[in-house]
Every structure is written in structure tokens, then in C-alpha cells.
Amino acid sequence: MNATATHTPRFSDPTQLVPELGDISVALFKLAANGEVPRGTVALMHLRAGQLVGNTYLTVLHTGNAQRAHVPEEKITAVASWQDAPYFTDAERVALELVEAVLTLGRGGERVPDELYARAAEHYNEAELATLAMVIGQVTFFIPLAVIGKPLPGVRPSQQWRADSAE
């Protein structure tokens, strides 16, 4: 049975329900695409975040984004097991480690210890590090919409939400 046949998003279009979301979304996407961090690294970070929160919509969405960013298929497939996969650069590894440090609960101790920050600083300058932090912030901003709103995996955002409008 087709999953989309039995699955209906919980919200109508969130940009209609909360019009400010459109401007915020544009600003967040502009920030993540500011050129400080390679587009492929951003896509891998977003994909890993979707995996960490266990959300199929985000995982499918960010897999497609990684493909459009020309991330090699081996990296896309192996991002869930990046720690022992041979496909990632050291810079990509530390970016993925930052995502996990921020999003994984119960790690004990400081989420991003000085040692992790120092390793990240070996690969990224201060503007790039700030961008990495904001890239994580961008994807985490949208996690509640994905988890609570239950959009359909593989369906374009513009065709995503229930047809009824906010009244």
C-alpha cells in the first residue's frame, strides 16, 4: 500500500497559517547558502540532522538536496555511519560531529567541548564556524514542523500541505 494514500499532513500550509514564516525561511536559506560552508557539507549536515531526529520527511528531503548539491552517492548513503566510512573529508567529519553534538541528548558533559571546537577550528575560520552553527540552527528550526505537521515524504513543499486554508 502506498504510504501517501493513508497519510495526510496535519497542517494546512504553515506559510498561510503563520505568514511570517515565509520571510524567516528565506532568511534562513540565504544564511545557509552564504558560501562560507560548501553546499555539499550543508546538505550532509541537514541529512544527518533528519536521521538523528528520526524523521522520514527530513531524511528524504535532505537526501534530494544532497543529490542536487552533487554530493557523491557513497557519502549520502554512508552519512548515517560517517564515523567509520572512508568517504568523508576531515572537515565534513567535524561538521557532522557538530550536528551530532548539538542534537544528541544524554551525551553527558558539555555538548560541544573545547576539544571538538578546536578540531572544527582547524578546518573552518570564525565566519565558517558561525555559519556551521547557523546551518544546524536552520535545520532545527524546521524540525518541529516536520515532526508535528507530518508532511509527506518526497512531496514538494509547495504541494505538501492540506488543501484547506486557515480561517
C-alpha atoms as a PDB file:
ATOM      1  CA  MET A   1       0.000   0.000   0.000  1.00  0.00           C
ATOM      2  CA  ASN A   2       1.218   3.480  -0.859  1.00  0.00           C
ATOM      3  CA  ALA A   3       2.094   5.337   2.367  1.00  0.00           C
ATOM      4  CA  THR A   4       0.880   8.651   0.969  1.00  0.00           C
ATOM      5  CA  ALA A   5      -2.559   7.134   0.361  1.00  0.00           C
ATOM      6  CA  THR A   6      -3.050   6.720   4.119  1.00  0.00           C
ATOM      7  CA  HIS A   7      -1.025   9.704   5.344  1.00  0.00           C
ATOM      8  CA  THR A   8      -2.336  13.247   5.493  1.00  0.00           C
ATOM      9  CA  PRO A   9      -0.293  16.198   6.719  1.00  0.00           C
ATOM     10  CA  ARG A  10      -1.694  17.616   9.947  1.00  0.00           C
ATOM     11  CA  PHE A  11      -1.398  21.272   8.909  1.00  0.00           C
ATOM     12  CA  SER A  12      -2.627  23.276   6.022  1.00  0.00           C
ATOM     13  CA  ASP A  13       0.162  25.416   4.551  1.00  0.00           C
ATOM     14  CA  PRO A  14       2.186  26.794   7.504  1.00  0.00           C
ATOM     15  CA  THR A  15       3.177  29.868   5.487  1.00  0.00           C
ATOM     16  CA  GLN A  16      -0.525  30.689   5.222  1.00  0.00           C
ATOM     17  CA  LEU A  17      -1.151  29.935   8.890  1.00  0.00           C
ATOM     18  CA  VAL A  18       1.871  31.977  10.038  1.00  0.00           C
ATOM     19  CA  PRO A  19       2.762  34.398   7.216  1.00  0.00           C
ATOM     20  CA  GLU A  20       5.994  35.490   8.937  1.00  0.00           C
ATOM     21  CA  LEU A  21       7.362  32.010   8.263  1.00  0.00           C
ATOM     22  CA  GLY A  22       7.971  32.892   4.613  1.00  0.00           C
ATOM     23  CA  ASP A  23      10.375  35.728   5.427  1.00  0.00           C
ATOM     24  CA  ILE A  24      12.089  33.699   8.128  1.00  0.00           C
ATOM     25  CA  SER A  25      12.511  30.748   5.752  1.00  0.00           C
ATOM     26  CA  VAL A  26      14.053  32.933   3.056  1.00  0.00           C
ATOM     27  CA  ALA A  27      16.488  34.441   5.567  1.00  0.00           C
ATOM     28  CA  LEU A  28      17.487  31.027   6.942  1.00  0.00           C
ATOM     29  CA  PHE A  29      18.063  29.572   3.478  1.00  0.00           C
ATOM     30  CA  LYS A  30      20.089  32.650   2.498  1.00  0.00           C
ATOM     31  CA  LEU A  31      22.208  32.230   5.621  1.00  0.00           C
ATOM     32  CA  ALA A  32      22.922  28.535   4.939  1.00  0.00           C
ATOM     33  CA  ALA A  33      23.830  29.353   1.335  1.00  0.00           C
ATOM     34  CA  ASN A  34      26.118  32.281   2.181  1.00  0.00           C
ATOM     35  CA  GLY A  35      29.102  30.489   0.611  1.00  0.00           C
ATOM     36  CA  GLU A  36      31.099  30.156   3.827  1.00  0.00           C
ATOM     37  CA  VAL A  37      30.483  26.387   4.001  1.00  0.00           C
ATOM     38  CA  PRO A  38      30.347  24.180   0.905  1.00  0.00           C
ATOM     39  CA  ARG A  39      26.806  23.385  -0.230  1.00  0.00           C
ATOM     40  CA  GLY A  40      27.537  19.660  -0.040  1.00  0.00           C
ATOM     41  CA  THR A  41      28.628  19.928   3.587  1.00  0.00           C
ATOM     42  CA  VAL A  42      25.436  21.833   4.433  1.00  0.00           C
ATOM     43  CA  ALA A  43      23.381  19.124   2.716  1.00  0.00           C
ATOM     44  CA  LEU A  44      25.167  16.361   4.632  1.00  0.00           C
ATOM     45  CA  MET A  45      24.638  18.190   7.929  1.00  0.00           C
ATOM     46  CA  HIS A  46      20.933  18.602   7.212  1.00  0.00           C
ATOM     47  CA  LEU A  47      20.602  14.971   6.172  1.00  0.00           C
ATOM     48  CA  ARG A  48      22.298  13.799   9.365  1.00  0.00           C
ATOM     49  CA  ALA A  49      20.001  16.011  11.441  1.00  0.00           C
ATOM     50  CA  GLY A  50      16.937  14.433   9.791  1.00  0.00           C
ATOM     51  CA  GLN A  51      18.322  10.992  10.576  1.00  0.00           C
ATOM     52  CA  LEU A  52      19.087  11.920  14.183  1.00  0.00           C
ATOM     53  CA  VAL A  53      15.532  13.072  14.851  1.00  0.00           C
ATOM     54  CA  GLY A  54      14.179  10.008  13.067  1.00  0.00           C
ATOM     55  CA  ASN A  55      12.077  11.919  10.562  1.00  0.00           C
ATOM     56  CA  THR A  56      11.495  10.371   7.152  1.00  0.00           C
ATOM     57  CA  TYR A  57      10.279  13.623   5.588  1.00  0.00           C
ATOM     58  CA  LEU A  58      13.509  15.443   6.510  1.00  0.00           C
ATOM     59  CA  THR A  59      15.671  12.478   5.546  1.00  0.00           C
ATOM     60  CA  VAL A  60      14.075  12.195   2.099  1.00  0.00           C
ATOM     61  CA  LEU A  61      14.105  15.975   1.595  1.00  0.00           C
ATOM     62  CA  HIS A  62      17.752  16.363   2.515  1.00  0.00           C
ATOM     63  CA  THR A  63      18.808  13.294   0.526  1.00  0.00           C
ATOM     64  CA  GLY A  64      17.376  15.046  -2.535  1.00  0.00           C
ATOM     65  CA  ASN A  65      19.103  18.289  -1.568  1.00  0.00           C
ATOM     66  CA  ALA A  66      22.411  16.431  -1.242  1.00  0.00           C
ATOM     67  CA  GLN A  67      21.930  14.899  -4.685  1.00  0.00           C
ATOM     68  CA  ARG A  68      21.211  18.341  -6.180  1.00  0.00           C
ATOM     69  CA  ALA A  69      24.381  19.615  -4.452  1.00  0.00           C
ATOM     70  CA  HIS A  70      26.279  16.870  -6.327  1.00  0.00           C
ATOM     71  CA  VAL A  71      27.252  15.017  -3.162  1.00  0.00           C
ATOM     72  CA  PRO A  72      28.520  11.578  -4.227  1.00  0.00           C
ATOM     73  CA  GLU A  73      26.058   8.759  -3.614  1.00  0.00           C
ATOM     74  CA  GLU A  74      28.545   6.959  -1.334  1.00  0.00           C
ATOM     75  CA  LYS A  75      28.545   9.913   1.058  1.00  0.00           C
ATOM     76  CA  ILE A  76      24.759  10.236   1.022  1.00  0.00           C
ATOM     77  CA  THR A  77      24.355   6.534   1.729  1.00  0.00           C
ATOM     78  CA  ALA A  78      27.056   6.462   4.400  1.00  0.00           C
ATOM     79  CA  VAL A  79      26.176   9.638   6.307  1.00  0.00           C
ATOM     80  CA  ALA A  80      24.400   7.573   8.996  1.00  0.00           C
ATOM     81  CA  SER A  81      27.672   5.756   9.647  1.00  0.00           C
ATOM     82  CA  TRP A  82      30.068   8.574   8.820  1.00  0.00           C
ATOM     83  CA  GLN A  83      32.377   7.779  11.764  1.00  0.00           C
ATOM     84  CA  ASP A  84      33.848   4.721  10.048  1.00  0.00           C
ATOM     85  CA  ALA A  85      33.044   5.476   6.393  1.00  0.00           C
ATOM     86  CA  PRO A  86      36.082   6.294   4.238  1.00  0.00           C
ATOM     87  CA  TYR A  87      34.275   8.830   2.029  1.00  0.00           C
ATOM     88  CA  PHE A  88      34.319  11.979   4.160  1.00  0.00           C
ATOM     89  CA  THR A  89      36.936  14.696   4.450  1.00  0.00           C
ATOM     90  CA  ASP A  90      38.132  15.705   7.893  1.00  0.00           C
ATOM     91  CA  ALA A  91      36.221  18.982   7.533  1.00  0.00           C
ATOM     92  CA  GLU A  92      32.989  17.115   6.707  1.00  0.00           C
ATOM     93  CA  ARG A  93      33.561  14.752   9.626  1.00  0.00           C
ATOM     94  CA  VAL A  94      33.895  17.561  12.138  1.00  0.00           C
ATOM     95  CA  ALA A  95      30.778  19.273  10.698  1.00  0.00           C
ATOM     96  CA  LEU A  96      28.809  16.036  11.135  1.00  0.00           C
ATOM     97  CA  GLU A  97      30.222  15.634  14.627  1.00  0.00           C
ATOM     98  CA  LEU A  98      28.996  19.135  15.492  1.00  0.00           C
ATOM     99  CA  VAL A  99      25.478  18.238  14.310  1.00  0.00           C
ATOM    100  CA  GLU A 100      25.522  15.149  16.493  1.00  0.00           C
ATOM    101  CA  ALA A 101      26.911  17.044  19.477  1.00  0.00           C
ATOM    102  CA  VAL A 102      24.112  19.610  19.278  1.00  0.00           C
ATOM    103  CA  LEU A 103      21.234  17.221  18.518  1.00  0.00           C
ATOM    104  CA  THR A 104      22.086  14.121  20.545  1.00  0.00           C
ATOM    105  CA  LEU A 105      20.650  14.215  24.040  1.00  0.00           C
ATOM    106  CA  GLY A 106      22.176  12.444  27.009  1.00  0.00           C
ATOM    107  CA  ARG A 107      25.769  12.747  25.868  1.00  0.00           C
ATOM    108  CA  GLY A 108      26.925  13.777  29.321  1.00  0.00           C
ATOM    109  CA  GLY A 109      29.215  16.710  29.888  1.00  0.00           C
ATOM    110  CA  GLU A 110      29.447  19.717  27.646  1.00  0.00           C
ATOM    111  CA  ARG A 111      27.648  19.291  24.307  1.00  0.00           C
ATOM    112  CA  VAL A 112      30.441  20.902  22.274  1.00  0.00           C
ATOM    113  CA  PRO A 113      33.599  20.527  24.333  1.00  0.00           C
ATOM    114  CA  ASP A 114      36.648  22.696  23.706  1.00  0.00           C
ATOM    115  CA  GLU A 115      38.411  19.760  22.022  1.00  0.00           C
ATOM    116  CA  LEU A 116      35.664  19.424  19.390  1.00  0.00           C
ATOM    117  CA  TYR A 117      35.592  23.185  18.806  1.00  0.00           C
ATOM    118  CA  ALA A 118      39.388  23.205  18.425  1.00  0.00           C
ATOM    119  CA  ARG A 119      39.222  20.418  15.824  1.00  0.00           C
ATOM    120  CA  ALA A 120      36.499  22.311  13.967  1.00  0.00           C
ATOM    121  CA  ALA A 121      38.626  25.468  14.068  1.00  0.00           C
ATOM    122  CA  GLU A 122      41.429  23.553  12.322  1.00  0.00           C
ATOM    123  CA  HIS A 123      39.158  23.276   9.260  1.00  0.00           C
ATOM    124  CA  TYR A 124      36.921  26.340   9.459  1.00  0.00           C
ATOM    125  CA  ASN A 125      37.591  30.013  10.139  1.00  0.00           C
ATOM    126  CA  GLU A 126      35.443  32.002  12.550  1.00  0.00           C
ATOM    127  CA  ALA A 127      32.861  33.057   9.924  1.00  0.00           C
ATOM    128  CA  GLU A 128      32.624  29.474   8.705  1.00  0.00           C
ATOM    129  CA  LEU A 129      32.195  28.173  12.269  1.00  0.00           C
ATOM    130  CA  ALA A 130      29.401  30.681  12.873  1.00  0.00           C
ATOM    131  CA  THR A 131      27.800  29.550   9.610  1.00  0.00           C
ATOM    132  CA  LEU A 132      28.070  25.892  10.692  1.00  0.00           C
ATOM    133  CA  ALA A 133      26.251  26.799  13.914  1.00  0.00           C
ATOM    134  CA  MET A 134      23.538  28.612  11.956  1.00  0.00           C
ATOM    135  CA  VAL A 135      23.210  25.709   9.485  1.00  0.00           C
ATOM    136  CA  ILE A 136      22.413  23.484  12.464  1.00  0.00           C
ATOM    137  CA  GLY A 137      20.022  26.170  13.700  1.00  0.00           C
ATOM    138  CA  GLN A 138      18.327  26.336  10.313  1.00  0.00           C
ATOM    139  CA  VAL A 139      17.522  22.637  10.188  1.00  0.00           C
ATOM    140  CA  THR A 140      16.472  22.546  13.840  1.00  0.00           C
ATOM    141  CA  PHE A 141      14.097  25.463  13.200  1.00  0.00           C
ATOM    142  CA  PHE A 142      12.146  23.263  10.776  1.00  0.00           C
ATOM    143  CA  ILE A 143      12.206  20.035  12.821  1.00  0.00           C
ATOM    144  CA  PRO A 144       9.005  20.848  14.764  1.00  0.00           C
ATOM    145  CA  LEU A 145       7.100  21.465  11.504  1.00  0.00           C
ATOM    146  CA  ALA A 146       8.304  18.100  10.213  1.00  0.00           C
ATOM    147  CA  VAL A 147       7.624  16.177  13.419  1.00  0.00           C
ATOM    148  CA  ILE A 148       4.341  17.825  14.439  1.00  0.00           C
ATOM    149  CA  GLY A 149       2.969  18.708  10.999  1.00  0.00           C
ATOM    150  CA  LYS A 150       3.846  15.314   9.441  1.00  0.00           C
ATOM    151  CA  PRO A 151       4.408  16.460   5.851  1.00  0.00           C
ATOM    152  CA  LEU A 152       4.515  13.769   3.179  1.00  0.00           C
ATOM    153  CA  PRO A 153       7.978  12.400   2.375  1.00  0.00           C
ATOM    154  CA  GLY A 154       9.015  13.055  -1.210  1.00  0.00           C
ATOM    155  CA  VAL A 155       6.356  15.687  -1.881  1.00  0.00           C
ATOM    156  CA  ARG A 156       7.493  19.202  -2.791  1.00  0.00           C
ATOM    157  CA  PRO A 157       6.832  21.741  -0.026  1.00  0.00           C
ATOM    158  CA  SER A 158       4.674  23.824  -2.387  1.00  0.00           C
ATOM    159  CA  GLN A 159       2.400  20.792  -2.950  1.00  0.00           C
ATOM    160  CA  GLN A 160       2.702  19.455   0.560  1.00  0.00           C
ATOM    161  CA  TRP A 161       0.125  20.670   2.952  1.00  0.00           C
ATOM    162  CA  ARG A 162      -3.602  20.052   3.303  1.00  0.00           C
ATOM    163  CA  ALA A 163      -5.719  21.958   0.795  1.00  0.00           C
ATOM    164  CA  ASP A 164      -7.891  23.689   3.399  1.00  0.00           C
ATOM    165  CA  SER A 165      -6.813  27.181   4.319  1.00  0.00           C
ATOM    166  CA  ALA A 166      -6.552  28.956   7.640  1.00  0.00           C
ATOM    167  CA  GLU A 167      -9.662  30.835   8.554  1.00  0.00           C
END
